[in-house]
Amino acid sequence: MQASPEKLRALVDELEAISPPGFDPRYFSTLRSMLESSARVQALSAELDGLSKRTTPQDAARREAILAEMKILGERVSADARDLQRYVPMQAPAASGAKTP
């Protein structure tokens, strides 16, 4: 079962509300951007599926436009994923057995 985009946005909002102080808010805005892009890709995919058996020149042009938009969205999600990694707080190093004062 797949969660709706609205439920996922609500979950991100909840996670942001309980995040520790100092957590970079760009993390959550980038995550929301990725969710919006994903929802748009799903909508475009459904539209493309509906156009797959149609052969009018208008349908072919729309298919090309959809594919171009999906490519742009894919590039945006890739960039957002790179950004998301930068916004994650650094973890404390794993305990190596040495005691700290």
PDB file of N, CA and C in Angstrom:
ATOM      1  N   MET A   1       0.841  -1.182   0.000  1.00  0.00           N
ATOM      2  CA  MET A   1       0.000   0.000   0.000  1.00  0.00           C
ATOM      3  C   MET A   1       0.890   1.251   0.000  1.00  0.00           C
ATOM      4  N   GLN A   2       0.520   2.199  -0.821  1.00  0.00           N
ATOM      5  CA  GLN A   2       1.317   3.420  -0.975  1.00  0.00           C
ATOM      6  C   GLN A   2       0.602   4.576  -0.278  1.00  0.00           C
ATOM      7  N   ALA A   3       1.371   5.365   0.467  1.00  0.00           N
ATOM      8  CA  ALA A   3       0.806   6.526   1.164  1.00  0.00           C
ATOM      9  C   ALA A   3       0.579   7.662   0.176  1.00  0.00           C
ATOM     10  N   SER A   4      -0.452   8.433   0.414  1.00  0.00           N
ATOM     11  CA  SER A   4      -0.745   9.575  -0.450  1.00  0.00           C
ATOM     12  C   SER A   4       0.276  10.678  -0.209  1.00  0.00           C
ATOM     13  N   PRO A   5       0.455  11.551  -1.200  1.00  0.00           N
ATOM     14  CA  PRO A   5       1.380  12.680  -1.002  1.00  0.00           C
ATOM     15  C   PRO A   5       0.990  13.542   0.200  1.00  0.00           C
ATOM     16  N   GLU A   6      -0.298  13.681   0.442  1.00  0.00           N
ATOM     17  CA  GLU A   6      -0.749  14.483   1.589  1.00  0.00           C
ATOM     18  C   GLU A   6      -0.306  13.848   2.909  1.00  0.00           C
ATOM     19  N   LYS A   7      -0.435  12.537   2.999  1.00  0.00           N
ATOM     20  CA  LYS A   7      -0.011  11.851   4.225  1.00  0.00           C
ATOM     21  C   LYS A   7       1.501  11.950   4.416  1.00  0.00           C
ATOM     22  N   LEU A   8       2.232  11.851   3.325  1.00  0.00           N
ATOM     23  CA  LEU A   8       3.684  11.963   3.428  1.00  0.00           C
ATOM     24  C   LEU A   8       4.098  13.370   3.851  1.00  0.00           C
ATOM     25  N   ARG A   9       3.429  14.386   3.301  1.00  0.00           N
ATOM     26  CA  ARG A   9       3.739  15.764   3.710  1.00  0.00           C
ATOM     27  C   ARG A   9       3.425  15.966   5.191  1.00  0.00           C
ATOM     28  N   ALA A  10       2.313  15.404   5.642  1.00  0.00           N
ATOM     29  CA  ALA A  10       1.961  15.517   7.060  1.00  0.00           C
ATOM     30  C   ALA A  10       3.012  14.828   7.931  1.00  0.00           C
ATOM     31  N   LEU A  11       3.517  13.709   7.470  1.00  0.00           N
ATOM     32  CA  LEU A  11       4.563  13.005   8.216  1.00  0.00           C
ATOM     33  C   LEU A  11       5.842  13.838   8.280  1.00  0.00           C
ATOM     34  N   VAL A  12       6.213  14.466   7.174  1.00  0.00           N
ATOM     35  CA  VAL A  12       7.399  15.330   7.166  1.00  0.00           C
ATOM     36  C   VAL A  12       7.187  16.500   8.124  1.00  0.00           C
ATOM     37  N   ASP A  13       5.995  17.089   8.107  1.00  0.00           N
ATOM     38  CA  ASP A  13       5.693  18.181   9.036  1.00  0.00           C
ATOM     39  C   ASP A  13       5.843  17.729  10.488  1.00  0.00           C
ATOM     40  N   GLU A  14       5.361  16.527  10.768  1.00  0.00           N
ATOM     41  CA  GLU A  14       5.456  15.988  12.128  1.00  0.00           C
ATOM     42  C   GLU A  14       6.918  15.737  12.508  1.00  0.00           C
ATOM     43  N   LEU A  15       7.672  15.174  11.591  1.00  0.00           N
ATOM     44  CA  LEU A  15       9.097  14.942  11.865  1.00  0.00           C
ATOM     45  C   LEU A  15       9.839  16.252  12.104  1.00  0.00           C
ATOM     46  N   GLU A  16       9.494  17.270  11.324  1.00  0.00           N
ATOM     47  CA  GLU A  16      10.139  18.564  11.518  1.00  0.00           C
ATOM     48  C   GLU A  16       9.793  19.137  12.890  1.00  0.00           C
ATOM     49  N   ALA A  17       8.542  18.964  13.304  1.00  0.00           N
ATOM     50  CA  ALA A  17       8.107  19.501  14.592  1.00  0.00           C
ATOM     51  C   ALA A  17       8.844  18.849  15.763  1.00  0.00           C
ATOM     52  N   ILE A  18       9.213  17.586  15.620  1.00  0.00           N
ATOM     53  CA  ILE A  18       9.886  16.900  16.733  1.00  0.00           C
ATOM     54  C   ILE A  18      11.400  16.805  16.540  1.00  0.00           C
ATOM     55  N   SER A  19      11.915  17.434  15.483  1.00  0.00           N
ATOM     56  CA  SER A  19      13.361  17.367  15.247  1.00  0.00           C
ATOM     57  C   SER A  19      14.104  18.134  16.339  1.00  0.00           C
ATOM     58  N   PRO A  20      15.325  17.712  16.626  1.00  0.00           N
ATOM     59  CA  PRO A  20      16.099  18.378  17.678  1.00  0.00           C
ATOM     60  C   PRO A  20      16.461  19.815  17.284  1.00  0.00           C
ATOM     61  N   PRO A  21      16.677  20.666  18.254  1.00  0.00           N
ATOM     62  CA  PRO A  21      17.082  22.044  17.953  1.00  0.00           C
ATOM     63  C   PRO A  21      18.364  22.032  17.120  1.00  0.00           C
ATOM     64  N   GLY A  22      18.455  22.972  16.220  1.00  0.00           N
ATOM     65  CA  GLY A  22      19.644  23.080  15.401  1.00  0.00           C
ATOM     66  C   GLY A  22      19.603  22.225  14.142  1.00  0.00           C
ATOM     67  N   PHE A  23      18.571  21.412  13.985  1.00  0.00           N
ATOM     68  CA  PHE A  23      18.455  20.594  12.780  1.00  0.00           C
ATOM     69  C   PHE A  23      18.169  21.527  11.614  1.00  0.00           C
ATOM     70  N   ASP A  24      18.919  21.403  10.547  1.00  0.00           N
ATOM     71  CA  ASP A  24      18.824  22.307   9.405  1.00  0.00           C
ATOM     72  C   ASP A  24      17.427  22.231   8.768  1.00  0.00           C
ATOM     73  N   PRO A  25      16.670  23.328   8.773  1.00  0.00           N
ATOM     74  CA  PRO A  25      15.314  23.298   8.211  1.00  0.00           C
ATOM     75  C   PRO A  25      15.311  23.068   6.692  1.00  0.00           C
ATOM     76  N   ARG A  26      16.456  23.291   6.036  1.00  0.00           N
ATOM     77  CA  ARG A  26      16.529  23.019   4.593  1.00  0.00           C
ATOM     78  C   ARG A  26      16.338  21.536   4.308  1.00  0.00           C
ATOM     79  N   TYR A  27      16.665  20.691   5.285  1.00  0.00           N
ATOM     80  CA  TYR A  27      16.457  19.252   5.113  1.00  0.00           C
ATOM     81  C   TYR A  27      14.987  18.977   4.823  1.00  0.00           C
ATOM     82  N   PHE A  28      14.116  19.550   5.625  1.00  0.00           N
ATOM     83  CA  PHE A  28      12.688  19.286   5.485  1.00  0.00           C
ATOM     84  C   PHE A  28      12.100  19.957   4.246  1.00  0.00           C
ATOM     85  N   SER A  29      12.556  21.156   3.926  1.00  0.00           N
ATOM     86  CA  SER A  29      12.045  21.805   2.713  1.00  0.00           C
ATOM     87  C   SER A  29      12.488  21.042   1.468  1.00  0.00           C
ATOM     88  N   THR A  30      13.702  20.506   1.492  1.00  0.00           N
ATOM     89  CA  THR A  30      14.185  19.709   0.369  1.00  0.00           C
ATOM     90  C   THR A  30      13.417  18.399   0.280  1.00  0.00           C
ATOM     91  N   LEU A  31      13.143  17.796   1.412  1.00  0.00           N
ATOM     92  CA  LEU A  31      12.359  16.565   1.434  1.00  0.00           C
ATOM     93  C   LEU A  31      10.962  16.813   0.863  1.00  0.00           C
ATOM     94  N   ARG A  32      10.363  17.943   1.216  1.00  0.00           N
ATOM     95  CA  ARG A  32       9.045  18.292   0.666  1.00  0.00           C
ATOM     96  C   ARG A  32       9.126  18.487  -0.843  1.00  0.00           C
ATOM     97  N   SER A  33      10.181  19.127  -1.307  1.00  0.00           N
ATOM     98  CA  SER A  33      10.373  19.327  -2.739  1.00  0.00           C
ATOM     99  C   SER A  33      10.456  17.984  -3.459  1.00  0.00           C
ATOM    100  N   MET A  34      11.175  17.042  -2.869  1.00  0.00           N
ATOM    101  CA  MET A  34      11.284  15.715  -3.464  1.00  0.00           C
ATOM    102  C   MET A  34       9.934  15.014  -3.506  1.00  0.00           C
ATOM    103  N   LEU A  35       9.150  15.166  -2.453  1.00  0.00           N
ATOM    104  CA  LEU A  35       7.822  14.558  -2.421  1.00  0.00           C
ATOM    105  C   LEU A  35       6.919  15.164  -3.486  1.00  0.00           C
ATOM    106  N   GLU A  36       6.983  16.480  -3.654  1.00  0.00           N
ATOM    107  CA  GLU A  36       6.176  17.147  -4.684  1.00  0.00           C
ATOM    108  C   GLU A  36       6.591  16.680  -6.076  1.00  0.00           C
ATOM    109  N   SER A  37       7.890  16.563  -6.302  1.00  0.00           N
ATOM    110  CA  SER A  37       8.367  16.086  -7.600  1.00  0.00           C
ATOM    111  C   SER A  37       7.909  14.660  -7.849  1.00  0.00           C
ATOM    112  N   SER A  38       7.974  13.837  -6.838  1.00  0.00           N
ATOM    113  CA  SER A  38       7.542  12.451  -6.969  1.00  0.00           C
ATOM    114  C   SER A  38       6.051  12.362  -7.290  1.00  0.00           C
ATOM    115  N   ALA A  39       5.253  13.171  -6.615  1.00  0.00           N
ATOM    116  CA  ALA A  39       3.812  13.176  -6.889  1.00  0.00           C
ATOM    117  C   ALA A  39       3.542  13.626  -8.321  1.00  0.00           C
ATOM    118  N   ARG A  40       4.292  14.607  -8.796  1.00  0.00           N
ATOM    119  CA  ARG A  40       4.120  15.097 -10.170  1.00  0.00           C
ATOM    120  C   ARG A  40       4.521  14.016 -11.172  1.00  0.00           C
ATOM    121  N   VAL A  41       5.611  13.313 -10.909  1.00  0.00           N
ATOM    122  CA  VAL A  41       6.042  12.237 -11.800  1.00  0.00           C
ATOM    123  C   VAL A  41       4.970  11.146 -11.853  1.00  0.00           C
ATOM    124  N   GLN A  42       4.372  10.824 -10.717  1.00  0.00           N
ATOM    125  CA  GLN A  42       3.309   9.815 -10.703  1.00  0.00           C
ATOM    126  C   GLN A  42       2.123  10.256 -11.546  1.00  0.00           C
ATOM    127  N   ALA A  43       1.745  11.530 -11.434  1.00  0.00           N
ATOM    128  CA  ALA A  43       0.626  12.047 -12.222  1.00  0.00           C
ATOM    129  C   ALA A  43       0.963  12.023 -13.710  1.00  0.00           C
ATOM    130  N   LEU A  44       2.174  12.436 -14.055  1.00  0.00           N
ATOM    131  CA  LEU A  44       2.589  12.423 -15.454  1.00  0.00           C
ATOM    132  C   LEU A  44       2.647  10.999 -16.000  1.00  0.00           C
ATOM    133  N   SER A  45       3.103  10.078 -15.182  1.00  0.00           N
ATOM    134  CA  SER A  45       3.183   8.685 -15.598  1.00  0.00           C
ATOM    135  C   SER A  45       1.793   8.132 -15.902  1.00  0.00           C
ATOM    136  N   ALA A  46       0.838   8.458 -15.065  1.00  0.00           N
ATOM    137  CA  ALA A  46      -0.543   8.013 -15.296  1.00  0.00           C
ATOM    138  C   ALA A  46      -1.083   8.619 -16.593  1.00  0.00           C
ATOM    139  N   GLU A  47      -0.788   9.888 -16.818  1.00  0.00           N
ATOM    140  CA  GLU A  47      -1.230  10.531 -18.061  1.00  0.00           C
ATOM    141  C   GLU A  47      -0.555   9.883 -19.265  1.00  0.00           C
ATOM    142  N   LEU A  48       0.724   9.621 -19.158  1.00  0.00           N
ATOM    143  CA  LEU A  48       1.466   8.995 -20.242  1.00  0.00           C
ATOM    144  C   LEU A  48       0.906   7.614 -20.559  1.00  0.00           C
ATOM    145  N   ASP A  49       0.552   6.889 -19.526  1.00  0.00           N
ATOM    146  CA  ASP A  49      -0.043   5.566 -19.706  1.00  0.00           C
ATOM    147  C   ASP A  49      -1.345   5.681 -20.496  1.00  0.00           C
ATOM    148  N   GLY A  50      -2.139   6.700 -20.187  1.00  0.00           N
ATOM    149  CA  GLY A  50      -3.387   6.909 -20.908  1.00  0.00           C
ATOM    150  C   GLY A  50      -3.179   7.292 -22.361  1.00  0.00           C
ATOM    151  N   LEU A  51      -2.064   7.926 -22.656  1.00  0.00           N
ATOM    152  CA  LEU A  51      -1.763   8.348 -24.022  1.00  0.00           C
ATOM    153  C   LEU A  51      -1.068   7.265 -24.841  1.00  0.00           C
ATOM    154  N   SER A  52      -0.667   6.193 -24.218  1.00  0.00           N
ATOM    155  CA  SER A  52       0.210   5.217 -24.873  1.00  0.00           C
ATOM    156  C   SER A  52      -0.387   4.582 -26.122  1.00  0.00           C
ATOM    157  N   LYS A  53      -1.683   4.441 -26.190  1.00  0.00           N
ATOM    158  CA  LYS A  53      -2.295   3.779 -27.342  1.00  0.00           C
ATOM    159  C   LYS A  53      -2.914   4.765 -28.329  1.00  0.00           C
ATOM    160  N   ARG A  54      -2.779   6.048 -28.043  1.00  0.00           N
ATOM    161  CA  ARG A  54      -3.360   7.054 -28.927  1.00  0.00           C
ATOM    162  C   ARG A  54      -2.305   7.541 -29.910  1.00  0.00           C
ATOM    163  N   THR A  55      -2.741   7.895 -31.113  1.00  0.00           N
ATOM    164  CA  THR A  55      -1.777   8.171 -32.177  1.00  0.00           C
ATOM    165  C   THR A  55      -1.931   9.523 -32.852  1.00  0.00           C
ATOM    166  N   THR A  56      -2.752  10.393 -32.336  1.00  0.00           N
ATOM    167  CA  THR A  56      -2.898  11.692 -32.996  1.00  0.00           C
ATOM    168  C   THR A  56      -1.623  12.512 -32.799  1.00  0.00           C
ATOM    169  N   PRO A  57      -1.377  13.458 -33.686  1.00  0.00           N
ATOM    170  CA  PRO A  57      -0.194  14.321 -33.529  1.00  0.00           C
ATOM    171  C   PRO A  57      -0.207  15.085 -32.195  1.00  0.00           C
ATOM    172  N   GLN A  58      -1.381  15.475 -31.729  1.00  0.00           N
ATOM    173  CA  GLN A  58      -1.478  16.162 -30.443  1.00  0.00           C
ATOM    174  C   GLN A  58      -1.061  15.239 -29.295  1.00  0.00           C
ATOM    175  N   ASP A  59      -1.452  13.977 -29.390  1.00  0.00           N
ATOM    176  CA  ASP A  59      -1.081  13.005 -28.356  1.00  0.00           C
ATOM    177  C   ASP A  59       0.429  12.754 -28.368  1.00  0.00           C
ATOM    178  N   ALA A  60       0.991  12.662 -29.557  1.00  0.00           N
ATOM    179  CA  ALA A  60       2.443  12.455 -29.668  1.00  0.00           C
ATOM    180  C   ALA A  60       3.187  13.655 -29.088  1.00  0.00           C
ATOM    181  N   ALA A  61       2.686  14.853 -29.376  1.00  0.00           N
ATOM    182  CA  ALA A  61       3.324  16.063 -28.837  1.00  0.00           C
ATOM    183  C   ALA A  61       3.213  16.091 -27.319  1.00  0.00           C
ATOM    184  N   ARG A  62       2.072  15.692 -26.799  1.00  0.00           N
ATOM    185  CA  ARG A  62       1.897  15.675 -25.338  1.00  0.00           C
ATOM    186  C   ARG A  62       2.822  14.642 -24.706  1.00  0.00           C
ATOM    187  N   ARG A  63       2.968  13.484 -25.351  1.00  0.00           N
ATOM    188  CA  ARG A  63       3.891  12.463 -24.821  1.00  0.00           C
ATOM    189  C   ARG A  63       5.304  13.018 -24.738  1.00  0.00           C
ATOM    190  N   GLU A  64       5.736  13.719 -25.775  1.00  0.00           N
ATOM    191  CA  GLU A  64       7.074  14.315 -25.776  1.00  0.00           C
ATOM    192  C   GLU A  64       7.218  15.350 -24.660  1.00  0.00           C
ATOM    193  N   ALA A  65       6.176  16.151 -24.458  1.00  0.00           N
ATOM    194  CA  ALA A  65       6.210  17.160 -23.398  1.00  0.00           C
ATOM    195  C   ALA A  65       6.278  16.494 -22.024  1.00  0.00           C
ATOM    196  N   ILE A  66       5.523  15.427 -21.851  1.00  0.00           N
ATOM    197  CA  ILE A  66       5.539  14.702 -20.574  1.00  0.00           C
ATOM    198  C   ILE A  66       6.927  14.127 -20.314  1.00  0.00           C
ATOM    199  N   LEU A  67       7.506  13.495 -21.324  1.00  0.00           N
ATOM    200  CA  LEU A  67       8.834  12.904 -21.148  1.00  0.00           C
ATOM    201  C   LEU A  67       9.880  13.964 -20.827  1.00  0.00           C
ATOM    202  N   ALA A  68       9.767  15.120 -21.462  1.00  0.00           N
ATOM    203  CA  ALA A  68      10.710  16.209 -21.177  1.00  0.00           C
ATOM    204  C   ALA A  68      10.547  16.701 -19.738  1.00  0.00           C
ATOM    205  N   GLU A  69       9.300  16.840 -19.298  1.00  0.00           N
ATOM    206  CA  GLU A  69       9.075  17.279 -17.918  1.00  0.00           C
ATOM    207  C   GLU A  69       9.562  16.236 -16.920  1.00  0.00           C
ATOM    208  N   MET A  70       9.343  14.967 -17.229  1.00  0.00           N
ATOM    209  CA  MET A  70       9.808  13.906 -16.335  1.00  0.00           C
ATOM    210  C   MET A  70      11.334  13.914 -16.230  1.00  0.00           C
ATOM    211  N   LYS A  71      12.008  14.209 -17.318  1.00  0.00           N
ATOM    212  CA  LYS A  71      13.471  14.286 -17.287  1.00  0.00           C
ATOM    213  C   LYS A  71      13.918  15.424 -16.369  1.00  0.00           C
ATOM    214  N   ILE A  72      13.276  16.572 -16.499  1.00  0.00           N
ATOM    215  CA  ILE A  72      13.603  17.716 -15.643  1.00  0.00           C
ATOM    216  C   ILE A  72      13.345  17.380 -14.177  1.00  0.00           C
ATOM    217  N   LEU A  73      12.210  16.738 -13.917  1.00  0.00           N
ATOM    218  CA  LEU A  73      11.888  16.359 -12.533  1.00  0.00           C
ATOM    219  C   LEU A  73      12.903  15.358 -11.990  1.00  0.00           C
ATOM    220  N   GLY A  74      13.337  14.422 -12.812  1.00  0.00           N
ATOM    221  CA  GLY A  74      14.350  13.457 -12.383  1.00  0.00           C
ATOM    222  C   GLY A  74      15.654  14.138 -12.018  1.00  0.00           C
ATOM    223  N   GLU A  75      16.043  15.119 -12.819  1.00  0.00           N
ATOM    224  CA  GLU A  75      17.265  15.871 -12.522  1.00  0.00           C
ATOM    225  C   GLU A  75      17.109  16.669 -11.229  1.00  0.00           C
ATOM    226  N   ARG A  76      15.921  17.229 -11.016  1.00  0.00           N
ATOM    227  CA  ARG A  76      15.667  17.992  -9.791  1.00  0.00           C
ATOM    228  C   ARG A  76      15.729  17.087  -8.563  1.00  0.00           C
ATOM    229  N   VAL A  77      15.141  15.896  -8.670  1.00  0.00           N
ATOM    230  CA  VAL A  77      15.167  14.966  -7.537  1.00  0.00           C
ATOM    231  C   VAL A  77      16.603  14.540  -7.238  1.00  0.00           C
ATOM    232  N   SER A  78      17.397  14.321  -8.287  1.00  0.00           N
ATOM    233  CA  SER A  78      18.808  13.950  -8.067  1.00  0.00           C
ATOM    234  C   SER A  78      19.553  15.067  -7.345  1.00  0.00           C
ATOM    235  N   ALA A  79      19.331  16.300  -7.772  1.00  0.00           N
ATOM    236  CA  ALA A  79      19.977  17.442  -7.108  1.00  0.00           C
ATOM    237  C   ALA A  79      19.486  17.574  -5.672  1.00  0.00           C
ATOM    238  N   ASP A  80      18.181  17.394  -5.469  1.00  0.00           N
ATOM    239  CA  ASP A  80      17.634  17.467  -4.110  1.00  0.00           C
ATOM    240  C   ASP A  80      18.227  16.380  -3.224  1.00  0.00           C
ATOM    241  N   ALA A  81      18.418  15.189  -3.769  1.00  0.00           N
ATOM    242  CA  ALA A  81      18.995  14.094  -2.983  1.00  0.00           C
ATOM    243  C   ALA A  81      20.420  14.433  -2.548  1.00  0.00           C
ATOM    244  N   ARG A  82      21.192  15.038  -3.451  1.00  0.00           N
ATOM    245  CA  ARG A  82      22.552  15.463  -3.069  1.00  0.00           C
ATOM    246  C   ARG A  82      22.480  16.520  -1.971  1.00  0.00           C
ATOM    247  N   ASP A  83      21.584  17.490  -2.141  1.00  0.00           N
ATOM    248  CA  ASP A  83      21.433  18.536  -1.128  1.00  0.00           C
ATOM    249  C   ASP A  83      21.003  17.950   0.210  1.00  0.00           C
ATOM    250  N   LEU A  84      20.088  17.008   0.159  1.00  0.00           N
ATOM    251  CA  LEU A  84      19.560  16.401   1.380  1.00  0.00           C
ATOM    252  C   LEU A  84      20.694  15.793   2.206  1.00  0.00           C
ATOM    253  N   GLN A  85      21.629  15.167   1.550  1.00  0.00           N
ATOM    254  CA  GLN A  85      22.759  14.568   2.259  1.00  0.00           C
ATOM    255  C   GLN A  85      23.599  15.625   2.970  1.00  0.00           C
ATOM    256  N   ARG A  86      23.699  16.807   2.375  1.00  0.00           N
ATOM    257  CA  ARG A  86      24.480  17.876   3.009  1.00  0.00           C
ATOM    258  C   ARG A  86      23.784  18.433   4.243  1.00  0.00           C
ATOM    259  N   TYR A  87      22.472  18.349   4.293  1.00  0.00           N
ATOM    260  CA  TYR A  87      21.721  18.949   5.393  1.00  0.00           C
ATOM    261  C   TYR A  87      21.572  18.027   6.595  1.00  0.00           C
ATOM    262  N   VAL A  88      21.952  16.772   6.458  1.00  0.00           N
ATOM    263  CA  VAL A  88      21.853  15.834   7.573  1.00  0.00           C
ATOM    264  C   VAL A  88      22.929  16.183   8.584  1.00  0.00           C
ATOM    265  N   PRO A  89      22.558  16.292   9.859  1.00  0.00           N
ATOM    266  CA  PRO A  89      23.576  16.628  10.866  1.00  0.00           C
ATOM    267  C   PRO A  89      24.637  15.541  10.957  1.00  0.00           C
ATOM    268  N   MET A  90      25.834  15.973  11.232  1.00  0.00           N
ATOM    269  CA  MET A  90      26.934  15.027  11.393  1.00  0.00           C
ATOM    270  C   MET A  90      26.706  14.212  12.654  1.00  0.00           C
ATOM    271  N   GLN A  91      26.910  12.924  12.530  1.00  0.00           N
ATOM    272  CA  GLN A  91      26.778  12.020  13.672  1.00  0.00           C
ATOM    273  C   GLN A  91      28.060  12.061  14.495  1.00  0.00           C
ATOM    274  N   ALA A  92      27.926  11.870  15.776  1.00  0.00           N
ATOM    275  CA  ALA A  92      29.113  11.764  16.621  1.00  0.00           C
ATOM    276  C   ALA A  92      29.855  10.489  16.210  1.00  0.00           C
ATOM    277  N   PRO A  93      31.182  10.509  16.258  1.00  0.00           N
ATOM    278  CA  PRO A  93      31.927   9.295  15.891  1.00  0.00           C
ATOM    279  C   PRO A  93      31.536   8.133  16.790  1.00  0.00           C
ATOM    280  N   ALA A  94      31.586   6.957  16.222  1.00  0.00           N
ATOM    281  CA  ALA A  94      31.242   5.764  16.988  1.00  0.00           C
ATOM    282  C   ALA A  94      32.230   5.569  18.126  1.00  0.00           C
ATOM    283  N   ALA A  95      31.743   5.035  19.206  1.00  0.00           N
ATOM    284  CA  ALA A  95      32.614   4.819  20.374  1.00  0.00           C
ATOM    285  C   ALA A  95      33.729   3.858  20.006  1.00  0.00           C
ATOM    286  N   SER A  96      34.939   4.255  20.301  1.00  0.00           N
ATOM    287  CA  SER A  96      36.091   3.412  19.969  1.00  0.00           C
ATOM    288  C   SER A  96      36.677   2.765  21.212  1.00  0.00           C
ATOM    289  N   GLY A  97      35.968   2.882  22.301  1.00  0.00           N
ATOM    290  CA  GLY A  97      36.475   2.310  23.532  1.00  0.00           C
ATOM    291  C   GLY A  97      37.248   3.314  24.363  1.00  0.00           C
ATOM    292  N   ALA A  98      37.648   4.413  23.752  1.00  0.00           N
ATOM    293  CA  ALA A  98      38.393   5.425  24.483  1.00  0.00           C
ATOM    294  C   ALA A  98      37.415   6.284  25.282  1.00  0.00           C
ATOM    295  N   LYS A  99      37.809   6.615  26.479  1.00  0.00           N
ATOM    296  CA  LYS A  99      36.962   7.467  27.332  1.00  0.00           C
ATOM    297  C   LYS A  99      37.268   8.917  27.074  1.00  0.00           C
ATOM    298  N   THR A 100      36.240   9.710  27.082  1.00  0.00           N
ATOM    299  CA  THR A 100      36.423  11.144  26.943  1.00  0.00           C
ATOM    300  C   THR A 100      36.303  11.790  28.307  1.00  0.00           C
ATOM    301  N   PRO A 101      37.069  12.841  28.538  1.00  0.00           N
ATOM    302  CA  PRO A 101      37.023  13.473  29.873  1.00  0.00           C
ATOM    303  C   PRO A 101      35.695  14.153  30.131  1.00  0.00           C
TER     304      PRO A 101
END
